[in-house]
PDB file of N, CA and C in Angstrom:
ATOM      1  N   MET A   1     -38.813  64.056 119.435  1.00  0.00           N
ATOM      2  CA  MET A   1     -38.914  62.824 120.404  1.00  0.00           C
ATOM      3  C   MET A   1     -40.457  63.098 120.990  1.00  0.00           C
ATOM      4  N   ASN A   2     -41.260  63.845 120.601  1.00  0.00           N
ATOM      5  CA  ASN A   2     -42.601  63.969 121.080  1.00  0.00           C
ATOM      6  C   ASN A   2     -42.963  63.455 122.364  1.00  0.00           C
ATOM      7  N   GLU A   3     -42.196  63.837 123.522  1.00  0.00           N
ATOM      8  CA  GLU A   3     -42.450  63.461 125.009  1.00  0.00           C
ATOM      9  C   GLU A   3     -42.429  62.173 125.236  1.00  0.00           C
ATOM     10  N   LYS A   4     -41.634  61.203 124.478  1.00  0.00           N
ATOM     11  CA  LYS A   4     -41.699  59.892 124.845  1.00  0.00           C
ATOM     12  C   LYS A   4     -40.800  59.620 125.913  1.00  0.00           C
ATOM     13  N   THR A   5     -40.985  58.617 126.640  1.00  0.00           N
ATOM     14  CA  THR A   5     -39.975  58.257 127.684  1.00  0.00           C
ATOM     15  C   THR A   5     -38.665  57.417 126.967  1.00  0.00           C
ATOM     16  N   LEU A   6     -37.906  56.977 127.617  1.00  0.00           N
ATOM     17  CA  LEU A   6     -36.840  56.267 127.402  1.00  0.00           C
ATOM     18  C   LEU A   6     -37.161  54.770 126.932  1.00  0.00           C
ATOM     19  N   GLU A   7     -38.222  54.276 127.803  1.00  0.00           N
ATOM     20  CA  GLU A   7     -38.696  53.209 127.681  1.00  0.00           C
ATOM     21  C   GLU A   7     -39.493  52.906 126.292  1.00  0.00           C
ATOM     22  N   GLU A   8     -40.205  54.054 125.772  1.00  0.00           N
ATOM     23  CA  GLU A   8     -41.007  53.978 124.766  1.00  0.00           C
ATOM     24  C   GLU A   8     -40.011  54.241 123.482  1.00  0.00           C
ATOM     25  N   HIS A   9     -39.047  54.663 123.523  1.00  0.00           N
ATOM     26  CA  HIS A   9     -38.059  55.211 122.480  1.00  0.00           C
ATOM     27  C   HIS A   9     -36.918  54.813 122.522  1.00  0.00           C
ATOM     28  N   ASP A  10     -36.437  54.165 121.307  1.00  0.00           N
ATOM     29  CA  ASP A  10     -35.146  53.456 121.038  1.00  0.00           C
ATOM     30  C   ASP A  10     -34.177  54.623 120.847  1.00  0.00           C
ATOM     31  N   VAL A  11     -33.256  54.808 121.913  1.00  0.00           N
ATOM     32  CA  VAL A  11     -32.245  55.818 121.767  1.00  0.00           C
ATOM     33  C   VAL A  11     -31.372  55.640 120.662  1.00  0.00           C
ATOM     34  N   ASN A  12     -31.107  54.358 120.317  1.00  0.00           N
ATOM     35  CA  ASN A  12     -30.161  54.126 118.842  1.00  0.00           C
ATOM     36  C   ASN A  12     -30.818  54.714 117.829  1.00  0.00           C
ATOM     37  N   SER A  13     -31.960  55.044 117.756  1.00  0.00           N
ATOM     38  CA  SER A  13     -32.468  55.384 116.686  1.00  0.00           C
ATOM     39  C   SER A  13     -32.760  57.171 116.508  1.00  0.00           C
ATOM     40  N   TRP A  14     -32.293  57.738 117.552  1.00  0.00           N
ATOM     41  CA  TRP A  14     -32.267  59.288 117.803  1.00  0.00           C
ATOM     42  C   TRP A  14     -31.499  59.911 116.821  1.00  0.00           C
ATOM     43  N   GLY A  15     -31.925  61.050 116.331  1.00  0.00           N
ATOM     44  CA  GLY A  15     -30.962  61.732 115.349  1.00  0.00           C
ATOM     45  C   GLY A  15     -30.383  62.863 116.207  1.00  0.00           C
ATOM     46  N   GLU A  16     -29.702  63.860 115.690  1.00  0.00           N
ATOM     47  CA  GLU A  16     -28.859  64.876 116.228  1.00  0.00           C
ATOM     48  C   GLU A  16     -29.994  65.690 117.135  1.00  0.00           C
ATOM     49  N   VAL A  17     -30.909  65.970 116.283  1.00  0.00           N
ATOM     50  CA  VAL A  17     -32.135  66.796 116.721  1.00  0.00           C
ATOM     51  C   VAL A  17     -32.504  66.203 118.120  1.00  0.00           C
ATOM     52  N   ASP A  18     -32.967  65.045 118.041  1.00  0.00           N
ATOM     53  CA  ASP A  18     -33.513  64.364 119.114  1.00  0.00           C
ATOM     54  C   ASP A  18     -32.566  64.470 120.376  1.00  0.00           C
ATOM     55  N   VAL A  19     -31.132  64.253 120.205  1.00  0.00           N
ATOM     56  CA  VAL A  19     -30.196  64.292 121.288  1.00  0.00           C
ATOM     57  C   VAL A  19     -30.333  65.773 122.008  1.00  0.00           C
ATOM     58  N   CYS A  20     -30.317  66.647 120.891  1.00  0.00           N
ATOM     59  CA  CYS A  20     -30.334  68.057 121.442  1.00  0.00           C
ATOM     60  C   CYS A  20     -31.704  68.519 122.216  1.00  0.00           C
ATOM     61  N   GLU A  21     -32.662  67.782 121.747  1.00  0.00           N
ATOM     62  CA  GLU A  21     -34.024  68.248 122.477  1.00  0.00           C
ATOM     63  C   GLU A  21     -34.063  67.469 123.845  1.00  0.00           C
ATOM     64  N   TRP A  22     -33.447  66.140 123.837  1.00  0.00           N
ATOM     65  CA  TRP A  22     -33.338  65.488 125.182  1.00  0.00           C
ATOM     66  C   TRP A  22     -32.343  66.104 126.107  1.00  0.00           C
ATOM     67  N   VAL A  23     -31.387  66.671 125.854  1.00  0.00           N
ATOM     68  CA  VAL A  23     -30.553  67.485 126.679  1.00  0.00           C
ATOM     69  C   VAL A  23     -31.177  68.775 127.324  1.00  0.00           C
ATOM     70  N   LYS A  24     -31.722  69.406 126.212  1.00  0.00           N
ATOM     71  CA  LYS A  24     -32.800  70.560 126.693  1.00  0.00           C
ATOM     72  C   LYS A  24     -33.850  70.126 127.727  1.00  0.00           C
ATOM     73  N   LYS A  25     -34.442  69.062 127.468  1.00  0.00           N
ATOM     74  CA  LYS A  25     -35.570  68.466 128.478  1.00  0.00           C
ATOM     75  C   LYS A  25     -34.911  68.162 129.845  1.00  0.00           C
ATOM     76  N   ILE A  26     -33.888  67.553 129.841  1.00  0.00           N
ATOM     77  CA  ILE A  26     -33.360  66.961 131.203  1.00  0.00           C
ATOM     78  C   ILE A  26     -32.950  68.369 131.756  1.00  0.00           C
ATOM     79  N   GLY A  27     -32.345  69.278 131.256  1.00  0.00           N
ATOM     80  CA  GLY A  27     -31.965  70.353 131.914  1.00  0.00           C
ATOM     81  C   GLY A  27     -33.054  71.078 132.501  1.00  0.00           C
ATOM     82  N   GLN A  28     -34.319  71.227 131.795  1.00  0.00           N
ATOM     83  CA  GLN A  28     -35.515  71.972 132.306  1.00  0.00           C
ATOM     84  C   GLN A  28     -36.198  70.902 133.326  1.00  0.00           C
ATOM     85  N   LYS A  29     -36.248  69.971 133.099  1.00  0.00           N
ATOM     86  CA  LYS A  29     -36.849  68.919 134.370  1.00  0.00           C
ATOM     87  C   LYS A  29     -36.154  68.947 135.748  1.00  0.00           C
ATOM     88  N   HIS A  30     -34.930  69.167 135.548  1.00  0.00           N
ATOM     89  CA  HIS A  30     -33.998  68.845 136.543  1.00  0.00           C
ATOM     90  C   HIS A  30     -33.589  70.114 137.307  1.00  0.00           C
ATOM     91  N   HIS A  31     -34.080  71.390 136.473  1.00  0.00           N
ATOM     92  CA  HIS A  31     -33.551  72.530 136.843  1.00  0.00           C
ATOM     93  C   HIS A  31     -31.959  72.651 137.080  1.00  0.00           C
ATOM     94  N   ASN A  32     -31.242  72.042 136.316  1.00  0.00           N
ATOM     95  CA  ASN A  32     -29.850  72.021 136.571  1.00  0.00           C
ATOM     96  C   ASN A  32     -28.898  72.739 135.492  1.00  0.00           C
ATOM     97  N   GLY A  33     -29.574  73.525 134.684  1.00  0.00           N
ATOM     98  CA  GLY A  33     -29.133  74.152 133.548  1.00  0.00           C
ATOM     99  C   GLY A  33     -28.403  73.534 132.532  1.00  0.00           C
ATOM    100  N   LEU A  34     -28.640  72.095 132.423  1.00  0.00           N
ATOM    101  CA  LEU A  34     -27.656  71.391 131.296  1.00  0.00           C
ATOM    102  C   LEU A  34     -28.327  71.801 129.904  1.00  0.00           C
ATOM    103  N   GLU A  35     -29.243  72.312 129.882  1.00  0.00           N
ATOM    104  CA  GLU A  35     -29.907  72.799 128.590  1.00  0.00           C
ATOM    105  C   GLU A  35     -28.930  73.582 127.716  1.00  0.00           C
ATOM    106  N   LYS A  36     -27.972  74.428 128.402  1.00  0.00           N
ATOM    107  CA  LYS A  36     -27.111  75.377 127.964  1.00  0.00           C
ATOM    108  C   LYS A  36     -25.856  74.620 127.042  1.00  0.00           C
ATOM    109  N   HIS A  37     -25.986  73.240 127.345  1.00  0.00           N
ATOM    110  CA  HIS A  37     -24.963  72.179 126.471  1.00  0.00           C
ATOM    111  C   HIS A  37     -25.623  71.595 125.253  1.00  0.00           C
ATOM    112  N   ALA A  38     -27.007  71.668 125.162  1.00  0.00           N
ATOM    113  CA  ALA A  38     -27.754  71.155 124.035  1.00  0.00           C
ATOM    114  C   ALA A  38     -27.055  71.342 122.678  1.00  0.00           C
ATOM    115  N   GLU A  39     -26.788  72.401 122.278  1.00  0.00           N
ATOM    116  CA  GLU A  39     -26.247  72.791 121.050  1.00  0.00           C
ATOM    117  C   GLU A  39     -24.755  72.378 120.824  1.00  0.00           C
ATOM    118  N   LYS A  40     -23.987  71.704 121.944  1.00  0.00           N
ATOM    119  CA  LYS A  40     -22.834  71.337 121.659  1.00  0.00           C
ATOM    120  C   LYS A  40     -22.990  69.903 121.079  1.00  0.00           C
ATOM    121  N   PHE A  41     -23.844  69.028 121.618  1.00  0.00           N
ATOM    122  CA  PHE A  41     -24.176  67.911 121.122  1.00  0.00           C
ATOM    123  C   PHE A  41     -24.574  68.045 119.697  1.00  0.00           C
ATOM    124  N   MET A  42     -25.261  69.016 119.267  1.00  0.00           N
ATOM    125  CA  MET A  42     -25.884  69.171 117.701  1.00  0.00           C
ATOM    126  C   MET A  42     -24.340  69.540 117.104  1.00  0.00           C
ATOM    127  N   ASN A  43     -23.656  70.660 117.380  1.00  0.00           N
ATOM    128  CA  ASN A  43     -22.546  70.924 116.802  1.00  0.00           C
ATOM    129  C   ASN A  43     -21.518  70.016 116.587  1.00  0.00           C
ATOM    130  N   HIS A  44     -21.575  68.631 117.323  1.00  0.00           N
ATOM    131  CA  HIS A  44     -20.382  67.645 117.275  1.00  0.00           C
ATOM    132  C   HIS A  44     -21.187  66.419 116.691  1.00  0.00           C
ATOM    133  N   ASN A  45     -22.312  66.523 116.063  1.00  0.00           N
ATOM    134  CA  ASN A  45     -23.259  65.618 115.318  1.00  0.00           C
ATOM    135  C   ASN A  45     -23.104  64.291 116.193  1.00  0.00           C
ATOM    136  N   ILE A  46     -23.767  64.366 117.384  1.00  0.00           N
ATOM    137  CA  ILE A  46     -24.042  63.462 118.536  1.00  0.00           C
ATOM    138  C   ILE A  46     -25.497  62.882 118.111  1.00  0.00           C
ATOM    139  N   ASN A  47     -25.508  61.573 117.969  1.00  0.00           N
ATOM    140  CA  ASN A  47     -26.868  61.249 117.441  1.00  0.00           C
ATOM    141  C   ASN A  47     -27.089  59.922 118.705  1.00  0.00           C
ATOM    142  N   GLY A  48     -28.108  59.302 118.581  1.00  0.00           N
ATOM    143  CA  GLY A  48     -28.336  58.325 119.902  1.00  0.00           C
ATOM    144  C   GLY A  48     -27.378  57.315 119.948  1.00  0.00           C
ATOM    145  N   LYS A  49     -26.894  56.838 118.763  1.00  0.00           N
ATOM    146  CA  LYS A  49     -25.782  55.570 118.955  1.00  0.00           C
ATOM    147  C   LYS A  49     -24.552  56.189 119.563  1.00  0.00           C
ATOM    148  N   ARG A  50     -24.052  57.438 118.986  1.00  0.00           N
ATOM    149  CA  ARG A  50     -23.046  58.218 119.589  1.00  0.00           C
ATOM    150  C   ARG A  50     -23.215  58.470 120.891  1.00  0.00           C
ATOM    151  N   LEU A  51     -24.319  58.985 121.507  1.00  0.00           N
ATOM    152  CA  LEU A  51     -24.357  59.342 122.742  1.00  0.00           C
ATOM    153  C   LEU A  51     -24.480  58.225 123.701  1.00  0.00           C
ATOM    154  N   LEU A  52     -24.957  56.973 123.340  1.00  0.00           N
ATOM    155  CA  LEU A  52     -24.620  55.800 124.340  1.00  0.00           C
ATOM    156  C   LEU A  52     -22.999  55.191 124.232  1.00  0.00           C
ATOM    157  N   MET A  53     -22.333  55.659 123.275  1.00  0.00           N
ATOM    158  CA  MET A  53     -20.963  55.236 123.528  1.00  0.00           C
ATOM    159  C   MET A  53     -20.047  56.267 124.307  1.00  0.00           C
ATOM    160  N   MET A  54     -20.560  57.368 124.641  1.00  0.00           N
ATOM    161  CA  MET A  54     -19.866  58.461 125.197  1.00  0.00           C
ATOM    162  C   MET A  54     -19.356  58.121 126.623  1.00  0.00           C
ATOM    163  N   ASN A  55     -18.379  58.789 127.175  1.00  0.00           N
ATOM    164  CA  ASN A  55     -18.042  58.711 128.484  1.00  0.00           C
ATOM    165  C   ASN A  55     -17.604  60.263 129.175  1.00  0.00           C
ATOM    166  N   LYS A  56     -17.107  60.033 130.180  1.00  0.00           N
ATOM    167  CA  LYS A  56     -16.793  61.667 130.842  1.00  0.00           C
ATOM    168  C   LYS A  56     -15.845  62.319 130.076  1.00  0.00           C
ATOM    169  N   ALA A  57     -14.775  61.602 129.406  1.00  0.00           N
ATOM    170  CA  ALA A  57     -13.728  62.350 128.730  1.00  0.00           C
ATOM    171  C   ALA A  57     -14.487  63.024 127.268  1.00  0.00           C
ATOM    172  N   ASP A  58     -15.447  62.104 126.649  1.00  0.00           N
ATOM    173  CA  ASP A  58     -16.068  62.411 125.659  1.00  0.00           C
ATOM    174  C   ASP A  58     -16.914  63.820 125.755  1.00  0.00           C
ATOM    175  N   LEU A  59     -17.576  63.855 126.964  1.00  0.00           N
ATOM    176  CA  LEU A  59     -18.280  65.029 127.387  1.00  0.00           C
ATOM    177  C   LEU A  59     -17.559  66.374 127.404  1.00  0.00           C
ATOM    178  N   ARG A  60     -16.288  66.152 127.977  1.00  0.00           N
ATOM    179  CA  ARG A  60     -15.479  67.267 127.992  1.00  0.00           C
ATOM    180  C   ARG A  60     -14.741  67.634 126.742  1.00  0.00           C
ATOM    181  N   ASN A  61     -14.596  66.684 125.867  1.00  0.00           N
ATOM    182  CA  ASN A  61     -14.120  66.968 124.570  1.00  0.00           C
ATOM    183  C   ASN A  61     -15.169  68.003 123.656  1.00  0.00           C
ATOM    184  N   LEU A  62     -16.504  67.812 124.039  1.00  0.00           N
ATOM    185  CA  LEU A  62     -17.530  68.575 123.581  1.00  0.00           C
ATOM    186  C   LEU A  62     -17.446  69.951 124.049  1.00  0.00           C
ATOM    187  N   GLY A  63     -16.620  70.338 125.258  1.00  0.00           N
ATOM    188  CA  GLY A  63     -16.565  71.493 125.632  1.00  0.00           C
ATOM    189  C   GLY A  63     -17.475  71.733 126.978  1.00  0.00           C
ATOM    190  N   ILE A  64     -17.909  70.789 127.627  1.00  0.00           N
ATOM    191  CA  ILE A  64     -18.577  70.712 128.983  1.00  0.00           C
ATOM    192  C   ILE A  64     -17.463  70.608 130.128  1.00  0.00           C
ATOM    193  N   VAL A  65     -17.225  71.748 130.725  1.00  0.00           N
ATOM    194  CA  VAL A  65     -16.041  71.722 131.568  1.00  0.00           C
ATOM    195  C   VAL A  65     -16.432  71.635 133.168  1.00  0.00           C
ATOM    196  N   SER A  66     -17.575  72.096 133.299  1.00  0.00           N
ATOM    197  CA  SER A  66     -18.009  71.853 134.715  1.00  0.00           C
ATOM    198  C   SER A  66     -18.295  70.152 135.116  1.00  0.00           C
ATOM    199  N   GLU A  67     -17.510  69.722 136.086  1.00  0.00           N
ATOM    200  CA  GLU A  67     -17.592  68.586 136.642  1.00  0.00           C
ATOM    201  C   GLU A  67     -19.011  68.250 137.055  1.00  0.00           C
ATOM    202  N   GLY A  68     -19.562  68.970 137.562  1.00  0.00           N
ATOM    203  CA  GLY A  68     -20.981  68.856 138.158  1.00  0.00           C
ATOM    204  C   GLY A  68     -21.952  68.737 136.871  1.00  0.00           C
ATOM    205  N   ASP A  69     -21.970  69.206 135.984  1.00  0.00           N
ATOM    206  CA  ASP A  69     -22.474  68.936 134.670  1.00  0.00           C
ATOM    207  C   ASP A  69     -22.245  67.710 133.932  1.00  0.00           C
ATOM    208  N   ILE A  70     -21.026  67.457 133.804  1.00  0.00           N
ATOM    209  CA  ILE A  70     -20.559  66.154 133.349  1.00  0.00           C
ATOM    210  C   ILE A  70     -21.186  65.043 134.162  1.00  0.00           C
ATOM    211  N   LEU A  71     -21.105  65.089 135.612  1.00  0.00           N
ATOM    212  CA  LEU A  71     -21.613  64.060 136.376  1.00  0.00           C
ATOM    213  C   LEU A  71     -23.132  63.943 136.282  1.00  0.00           C
ATOM    214  N   ASP A  72     -23.882  65.002 136.016  1.00  0.00           N
ATOM    215  CA  ASP A  72     -25.317  65.096 135.845  1.00  0.00           C
ATOM    216  C   ASP A  72     -25.695  64.541 134.569  1.00  0.00           C
ATOM    217  N   LEU A  73     -24.843  64.636 133.468  1.00  0.00           N
ATOM    218  CA  LEU A  73     -25.309  64.085 132.313  1.00  0.00           C
ATOM    219  C   LEU A  73     -24.817  62.707 132.302  1.00  0.00           C
ATOM    220  N   TYR A  74     -23.691  62.335 132.465  1.00  0.00           N
ATOM    221  CA  TYR A  74     -22.870  60.950 132.515  1.00  0.00           C
ATOM    222  C   TYR A  74     -23.615  59.944 133.449  1.00  0.00           C
ATOM    223  N   VAL A  75     -23.427  60.220 134.597  1.00  0.00           N
ATOM    224  CA  VAL A  75     -23.578  59.612 135.778  1.00  0.00           C
ATOM    225  C   VAL A  75     -25.312  59.169 135.947  1.00  0.00           C
ATOM    226  N   ASN A  76     -26.175  60.374 136.009  1.00  0.00           N
ATOM    227  CA  ASN A  76     -27.428  60.268 136.219  1.00  0.00           C
ATOM    228  C   ASN A  76     -28.109  60.069 134.907  1.00  0.00           C
ATOM    229  N   GLU A  77     -27.569  60.238 133.712  1.00  0.00           N
ATOM    230  CA  GLU A  77     -28.531  60.094 132.466  1.00  0.00           C
ATOM    231  C   GLU A  77     -27.967  58.797 131.527  1.00  0.00           C
ATOM    232  N   ILE A  78     -26.889  59.262 130.792  1.00  0.00           N
ATOM    233  CA  ILE A  78     -26.413  58.302 129.996  1.00  0.00           C
ATOM    234  C   ILE A  78     -25.769  56.869 130.684  1.00  0.00           C
ATOM    235  N   PHE A  79     -25.287  57.042 131.668  1.00  0.00           N
ATOM    236  CA  PHE A  79     -24.805  55.820 132.403  1.00  0.00           C
ATOM    237  C   PHE A  79     -25.865  54.737 132.696  1.00  0.00           C
ATOM    238  N   ASN A  80     -27.004  55.324 133.103  1.00  0.00           N
ATOM    239  CA  ASN A  80     -28.203  54.415 133.366  1.00  0.00           C
ATOM    240  C   ASN A  80     -28.709  53.613 132.105  1.00  0.00           C
ATOM    241  N   TRP A  81     -28.485  54.307 130.823  1.00  0.00           N
ATOM    242  CA  TRP A  81     -28.978  53.730 129.723  1.00  0.00           C
ATOM    243  C   TRP A  81     -28.104  52.476 129.470  1.00  0.00           C
ATOM    244  N   ILE A  82     -26.865  52.542 129.748  1.00  0.00           N
ATOM    245  CA  ILE A  82     -25.842  51.525 129.201  1.00  0.00           C
ATOM    246  C   ILE A  82     -25.841  50.458 130.167  1.00  0.00           C
ATOM    247  N   PHE A  83     -26.164  50.713 131.480  1.00  0.00           N
ATOM    248  CA  PHE A  83     -26.160  49.536 132.205  1.00  0.00           C
ATOM    249  C   PHE A  83     -27.576  49.276 132.991  1.00  0.00           C
TER     250      PHE A  83
END
């Protein structure tokens, strides 16, 4: 991803590694520990297109059990891209 912001980078073109790096970066940026979930996205082959289709239930299916982490990922990050 090379430190590009969302406005400069088409999420639909992200590969699985880009998504994994993005999760790590938002966890580090917000100091909320979300980077611990980065490998889950990689292990489940989540690319940019799939990321944009995800909902809270999908995040749970990846193995993210903390409601706080789900809300941080979905409401604060993914949901904002969709709407």
